Amino acid sequence: MVNFLRKVIWTVPDFTVDRYRARLADLHDHIRRHGPFVAHAQRILVRAHKPAR
């Protein structure tokens, strides 16, 4: 999770391990108790061009 959040910075723009340490520990505990979690994301591609004159 940490590697993902460091690479995909727009997911949590202010992410640092220190800032989210407690939440990361909660997530770790949840995974240990309940197994893996599934996350879904939507992506949209916007293609734009300058109109011809």
PDB file of N, CA and C in Angstrom:
ATOM      1  N   MET A   1       0.823  -1.175   0.000  1.00  0.00           N
ATOM      2  CA  MET A   1       0.000   0.000   0.000  1.00  0.00           C
ATOM      3  C   MET A   1       0.875   1.249   0.000  1.00  0.00           C
ATOM      4  N   VAL A   2       1.896   1.245   0.814  1.00  0.00           N
ATOM      5  CA  VAL A   2       2.780   2.416   0.878  1.00  0.00           C
ATOM      6  C   VAL A   2       3.427   2.662  -0.483  1.00  0.00           C
ATOM      7  N   ASN A   3       3.913   1.607  -1.128  1.00  0.00           N
ATOM      8  CA  ASN A   3       4.534   1.784  -2.445  1.00  0.00           C
ATOM      9  C   ASN A   3       3.543   2.364  -3.440  1.00  0.00           C
ATOM     10  N   PHE A   4       2.316   1.852  -3.438  1.00  0.00           N
ATOM     11  CA  PHE A   4       1.283   2.371  -4.338  1.00  0.00           C
ATOM     12  C   PHE A   4       1.035   3.854  -4.079  1.00  0.00           C
ATOM     13  N   LEU A   5       0.842   4.211  -2.821  1.00  0.00           N
ATOM     14  CA  LEU A   5       0.530   5.603  -2.499  1.00  0.00           C
ATOM     15  C   LEU A   5       1.692   6.547  -2.791  1.00  0.00           C
ATOM     16  N   ARG A   6       2.893   6.049  -2.745  1.00  0.00           N
ATOM     17  CA  ARG A   6       4.050   6.888  -3.095  1.00  0.00           C
ATOM     18  C   ARG A   6       4.164   7.078  -4.606  1.00  0.00           C
ATOM     19  N   LYS A   7       3.756   6.067  -5.378  1.00  0.00           N
ATOM     20  CA  LYS A   7       3.862   6.145  -6.840  1.00  0.00           C
ATOM     21  C   LYS A   7       2.687   6.889  -7.466  1.00  0.00           C
ATOM     22  N   VAL A   8       1.510   6.735  -6.907  1.00  0.00           N
ATOM     23  CA  VAL A   8       0.296   7.323  -7.477  1.00  0.00           C
ATOM     24  C   VAL A   8      -0.109   8.484  -6.571  1.00  0.00           C
ATOM     25  N   ILE A   9       0.658   9.554  -6.657  1.00  0.00           N
ATOM     26  CA  ILE A   9       0.559  10.640  -5.677  1.00  0.00           C
ATOM     27  C   ILE A   9      -0.775  11.372  -5.707  1.00  0.00           C
ATOM     28  N   TRP A  10      -1.511  11.306  -6.813  1.00  0.00           N
ATOM     29  CA  TRP A  10      -2.802  12.007  -6.870  1.00  0.00           C
ATOM     30  C   TRP A  10      -3.883  11.286  -6.080  1.00  0.00           C
ATOM     31  N   THR A  11      -3.643  10.039  -5.667  1.00  0.00           N
ATOM     32  CA  THR A  11      -4.633   9.306  -4.874  1.00  0.00           C
ATOM     33  C   THR A  11      -4.787   9.938  -3.501  1.00  0.00           C
ATOM     34  N   VAL A  12      -3.673  10.214  -2.839  1.00  0.00           N
ATOM     35  CA  VAL A  12      -3.666  10.910  -1.551  1.00  0.00           C
ATOM     36  C   VAL A  12      -2.548  11.950  -1.660  1.00  0.00           C
ATOM     37  N   PRO A  13      -2.873  13.156  -2.127  1.00  0.00           N
ATOM     38  CA  PRO A  13      -1.835  14.142  -2.443  1.00  0.00           C
ATOM     39  C   PRO A  13      -0.875  14.470  -1.307  1.00  0.00           C
ATOM     40  N   ASP A  14      -1.313  14.421  -0.060  1.00  0.00           N
ATOM     41  CA  ASP A  14      -0.433  14.780   1.061  1.00  0.00           C
ATOM     42  C   ASP A  14       0.150  13.559   1.756  1.00  0.00           C
ATOM     43  N   PHE A  15       0.199  12.411   1.068  1.00  0.00           N
ATOM     44  CA  PHE A  15       0.607  11.167   1.723  1.00  0.00           C
ATOM     45  C   PHE A  15       2.069  11.186   2.145  1.00  0.00           C
ATOM     46  N   THR A  16       2.292  10.844   3.410  1.00  0.00           N
ATOM     47  CA  THR A  16       3.602  10.466   3.929  1.00  0.00           C
ATOM     48  C   THR A  16       3.347   9.346   4.926  1.00  0.00           C
ATOM     49  N   VAL A  17       4.323   8.481   5.092  1.00  0.00           N
ATOM     50  CA  VAL A  17       4.158   7.379   6.044  1.00  0.00           C
ATOM     51  C   VAL A  17       3.946   7.938   7.442  1.00  0.00           C
ATOM     52  N   ASP A  18       4.713   8.938   7.814  1.00  0.00           N
ATOM     53  CA  ASP A  18       4.569   9.502   9.160  1.00  0.00           C
ATOM     54  C   ASP A  18       3.169  10.062   9.391  1.00  0.00           C
ATOM     55  N   ARG A  19       2.634  10.766   8.413  1.00  0.00           N
ATOM     56  CA  ARG A  19       1.311  11.381   8.563  1.00  0.00           C
ATOM     57  C   ARG A  19       0.213  10.325   8.671  1.00  0.00           C
ATOM     58  N   TYR A  20       0.354   9.190   7.958  1.00  0.00           N
ATOM     59  CA  TYR A  20      -0.693   8.172   7.910  1.00  0.00           C
ATOM     60  C   TYR A  20      -0.326   6.888   8.656  1.00  0.00           C
ATOM     61  N   ARG A  21       0.678   6.957   9.497  1.00  0.00           N
ATOM     62  CA  ARG A  21       1.158   5.755  10.200  1.00  0.00           C
ATOM     63  C   ARG A  21       0.036   5.031  10.963  1.00  0.00           C
ATOM     64  N   ALA A  22      -0.786   5.761  11.689  1.00  0.00           N
ATOM     65  CA  ALA A  22      -1.864   5.131  12.469  1.00  0.00           C
ATOM     66  C   ALA A  22      -2.875   4.461  11.547  1.00  0.00           C
ATOM     67  N   ARG A  23      -3.250   5.124  10.460  1.00  0.00           N
ATOM     68  CA  ARG A  23      -4.211   4.534   9.516  1.00  0.00           C
ATOM     69  C   ARG A  23      -3.622   3.311   8.833  1.00  0.00           C
ATOM     70  N   LEU A  24      -2.335   3.363   8.498  1.00  0.00           N
ATOM     71  CA  LEU A  24      -1.670   2.212   7.889  1.00  0.00           C
ATOM     72  C   LEU A  24      -1.625   1.035   8.864  1.00  0.00           C
ATOM     73  N   ALA A  25      -1.390   1.318  10.128  1.00  0.00           N
ATOM     74  CA  ALA A  25      -1.382   0.255  11.147  1.00  0.00           C
ATOM     75  C   ALA A  25      -2.777  -0.355  11.278  1.00  0.00           C
ATOM     76  N   ASP A  26      -3.822   0.468  11.241  1.00  0.00           N
ATOM     77  CA  ASP A  26      -5.194  -0.044  11.273  1.00  0.00           C
ATOM     78  C   ASP A  26      -5.467  -0.945  10.072  1.00  0.00           C
ATOM     79  N   LEU A  27      -5.031  -0.518   8.910  1.00  0.00           N
ATOM     80  CA  LEU A  27      -5.215  -1.323   7.701  1.00  0.00           C
ATOM     81  C   LEU A  27      -4.468  -2.645   7.814  1.00  0.00           C
ATOM     82  N   HIS A  28      -3.256  -2.602   8.317  1.00  0.00           N
ATOM     83  CA  HIS A  28      -2.462  -3.818   8.512  1.00  0.00           C
ATOM     84  C   HIS A  28      -3.191  -4.794   9.454  1.00  0.00           C
ATOM     85  N   ASP A  29      -3.692  -4.280  10.552  1.00  0.00           N
ATOM     86  CA  ASP A  29      -4.425  -5.116  11.504  1.00  0.00           C
ATOM     87  C   ASP A  29      -5.679  -5.711  10.868  1.00  0.00           C
ATOM     88  N   HIS A  30      -6.386  -4.910  10.087  1.00  0.00           N
ATOM     89  CA  HIS A  30      -7.593  -5.393   9.412  1.00  0.00           C
ATOM     90  C   HIS A  30      -7.259  -6.546   8.458  1.00  0.00           C
ATOM     91  N   ILE A  31      -6.192  -6.381   7.691  1.00  0.00           N
ATOM     92  CA  ILE A  31      -5.784  -7.427   6.743  1.00  0.00           C
ATOM     93  C   ILE A  31      -5.376  -8.687   7.488  1.00  0.00           C
ATOM     94  N   ARG A  32      -4.671  -8.556   8.574  1.00  0.00           N
ATOM     95  CA  ARG A  32      -4.267  -9.743   9.357  1.00  0.00           C
ATOM     96  C   ARG A  32      -5.480 -10.477   9.912  1.00  0.00           C
ATOM     97  N   ARG A  33      -6.503  -9.737  10.347  1.00  0.00           N
ATOM     98  CA  ARG A  33      -7.701 -10.370  10.925  1.00  0.00           C
ATOM     99  C   ARG A  33      -8.643 -10.936   9.878  1.00  0.00           C
ATOM    100  N   HIS A  34      -8.839 -10.209   8.790  1.00  0.00           N
ATOM    101  CA  HIS A  34      -9.893 -10.543   7.834  1.00  0.00           C
ATOM    102  C   HIS A  34      -9.393 -10.994   6.468  1.00  0.00           C
ATOM    103  N   GLY A  35      -8.107 -10.944   6.234  1.00  0.00           N
ATOM    104  CA  GLY A  35      -7.582 -11.308   4.919  1.00  0.00           C
ATOM    105  C   GLY A  35      -7.517 -10.092   4.003  1.00  0.00           C
ATOM    106  N   PRO A  36      -7.194 -10.334   2.747  1.00  0.00           N
ATOM    107  CA  PRO A  36      -6.991  -9.215   1.816  1.00  0.00           C
ATOM    108  C   PRO A  36      -8.255  -8.379   1.619  1.00  0.00           C
ATOM    109  N   PHE A  37      -8.049  -7.153   1.187  1.00  0.00           N
ATOM    110  CA  PHE A  37      -9.171  -6.283   0.886  1.00  0.00           C
ATOM    111  C   PHE A  37      -9.163  -5.988  -0.606  1.00  0.00           C
ATOM    112  N   VAL A  38     -10.286  -5.587  -1.113  1.00  0.00           N
ATOM    113  CA  VAL A  38     -10.426  -5.260  -2.531  1.00  0.00           C
ATOM    114  C   VAL A  38     -10.756  -3.779  -2.633  1.00  0.00           C
ATOM    115  N   ALA A  39     -10.050  -3.108  -3.495  1.00  0.00           N
ATOM    116  CA  ALA A  39     -10.311  -1.686  -3.743  1.00  0.00           C
ATOM    117  C   ALA A  39     -10.645  -1.509  -5.218  1.00  0.00           C
ATOM    118  N   HIS A  40     -11.593  -0.646  -5.487  1.00  0.00           N
ATOM    119  CA  HIS A  40     -11.998  -0.367  -6.864  1.00  0.00           C
ATOM    120  C   HIS A  40     -11.707   1.097  -7.176  1.00  0.00           C
ATOM    121  N   ALA A  41     -11.321   1.333  -8.393  1.00  0.00           N
ATOM    122  CA  ALA A  41     -11.066   2.703  -8.827  1.00  0.00           C
ATOM    123  C   ALA A  41     -11.636   2.879 -10.225  1.00  0.00           C
ATOM    124  N   GLN A  42     -12.061   4.076 -10.516  1.00  0.00           N
ATOM    125  CA  GLN A  42     -12.517   4.407 -11.853  1.00  0.00           C
ATOM    126  C   GLN A  42     -11.523   5.371 -12.460  1.00  0.00           C
ATOM    127  N   ARG A  43     -11.281   5.183 -13.730  1.00  0.00           N
ATOM    128  CA  ARG A  43     -10.374   6.073 -14.450  1.00  0.00           C
ATOM    129  C   ARG A  43     -11.107   6.606 -15.672  1.00  0.00           C
ATOM    130  N   ILE A  44     -10.870   7.853 -15.972  1.00  0.00           N
ATOM    131  CA  ILE A  44     -11.497   8.477 -17.131  1.00  0.00           C
ATOM    132  C   ILE A  44     -10.396   9.088 -17.987  1.00  0.00           C
ATOM    133  N   LEU A  45     -10.433   8.807 -19.266  1.00  0.00           N
ATOM    134  CA  LEU A  45      -9.492   9.406 -20.205  1.00  0.00           C
ATOM    135  C   LEU A  45     -10.206  10.557 -20.902  1.00  0.00           C
ATOM    136  N   VAL A  46      -9.655  11.735 -20.796  1.00  0.00           N
ATOM    137  CA  VAL A  46     -10.215  12.905 -21.472  1.00  0.00           C
ATOM    138  C   VAL A  46      -9.251  13.273 -22.586  1.00  0.00           C
ATOM    139  N   ARG A  47      -9.755  13.266 -23.797  1.00  0.00           N
ATOM    140  CA  ARG A  47      -8.928  13.606 -24.940  1.00  0.00           C
ATOM    141  C   ARG A  47      -9.426  14.940 -25.476  1.00  0.00           C
ATOM    142  N   ALA A  48      -8.553  15.909 -25.539  1.00  0.00           N
ATOM    143  CA  ALA A  48      -8.941  17.245 -25.987  1.00  0.00           C
ATOM    144  C   ALA A  48      -8.033  17.700 -27.116  1.00  0.00           C
ATOM    145  N   HIS A  49      -8.571  18.534 -27.953  1.00  0.00           N
ATOM    146  CA  HIS A  49      -7.751  19.121 -29.011  1.00  0.00           C
ATOM    147  C   HIS A  49      -8.234  20.531 -29.271  1.00  0.00           C
ATOM    148  N   LYS A  50      -7.366  21.320 -29.825  1.00  0.00           N
ATOM    149  CA  LYS A  50      -7.718  22.699 -30.153  1.00  0.00           C
ATOM    150  C   LYS A  50      -8.498  22.679 -31.466  1.00  0.00           C
ATOM    151  N   PRO A  51      -9.666  23.287 -31.502  1.00  0.00           N
ATOM    152  CA  PRO A  51     -10.445  23.280 -32.735  1.00  0.00           C
ATOM    153  C   PRO A  51      -9.731  24.029 -33.863  1.00  0.00           C
ATOM    154  N   ALA A  52      -9.944  23.540 -35.068  1.00  0.00           N
ATOM    155  CA  ALA A  52      -9.364  24.224 -36.244  1.00  0.00           C
ATOM    156  C   ALA A  52     -10.127  25.518 -36.479  1.00  0.00           C
ATOM    157  N   ARG A  53      -9.447  26.500 -37.004  1.00  0.00           N
ATOM    158  CA  ARG A  53     -10.093  27.798 -37.275  1.00  0.00           C
ATOM    159  C   ARG A  53     -10.699  27.807 -38.631  1.00  0.00           C
TER     160      ARG A  53
END
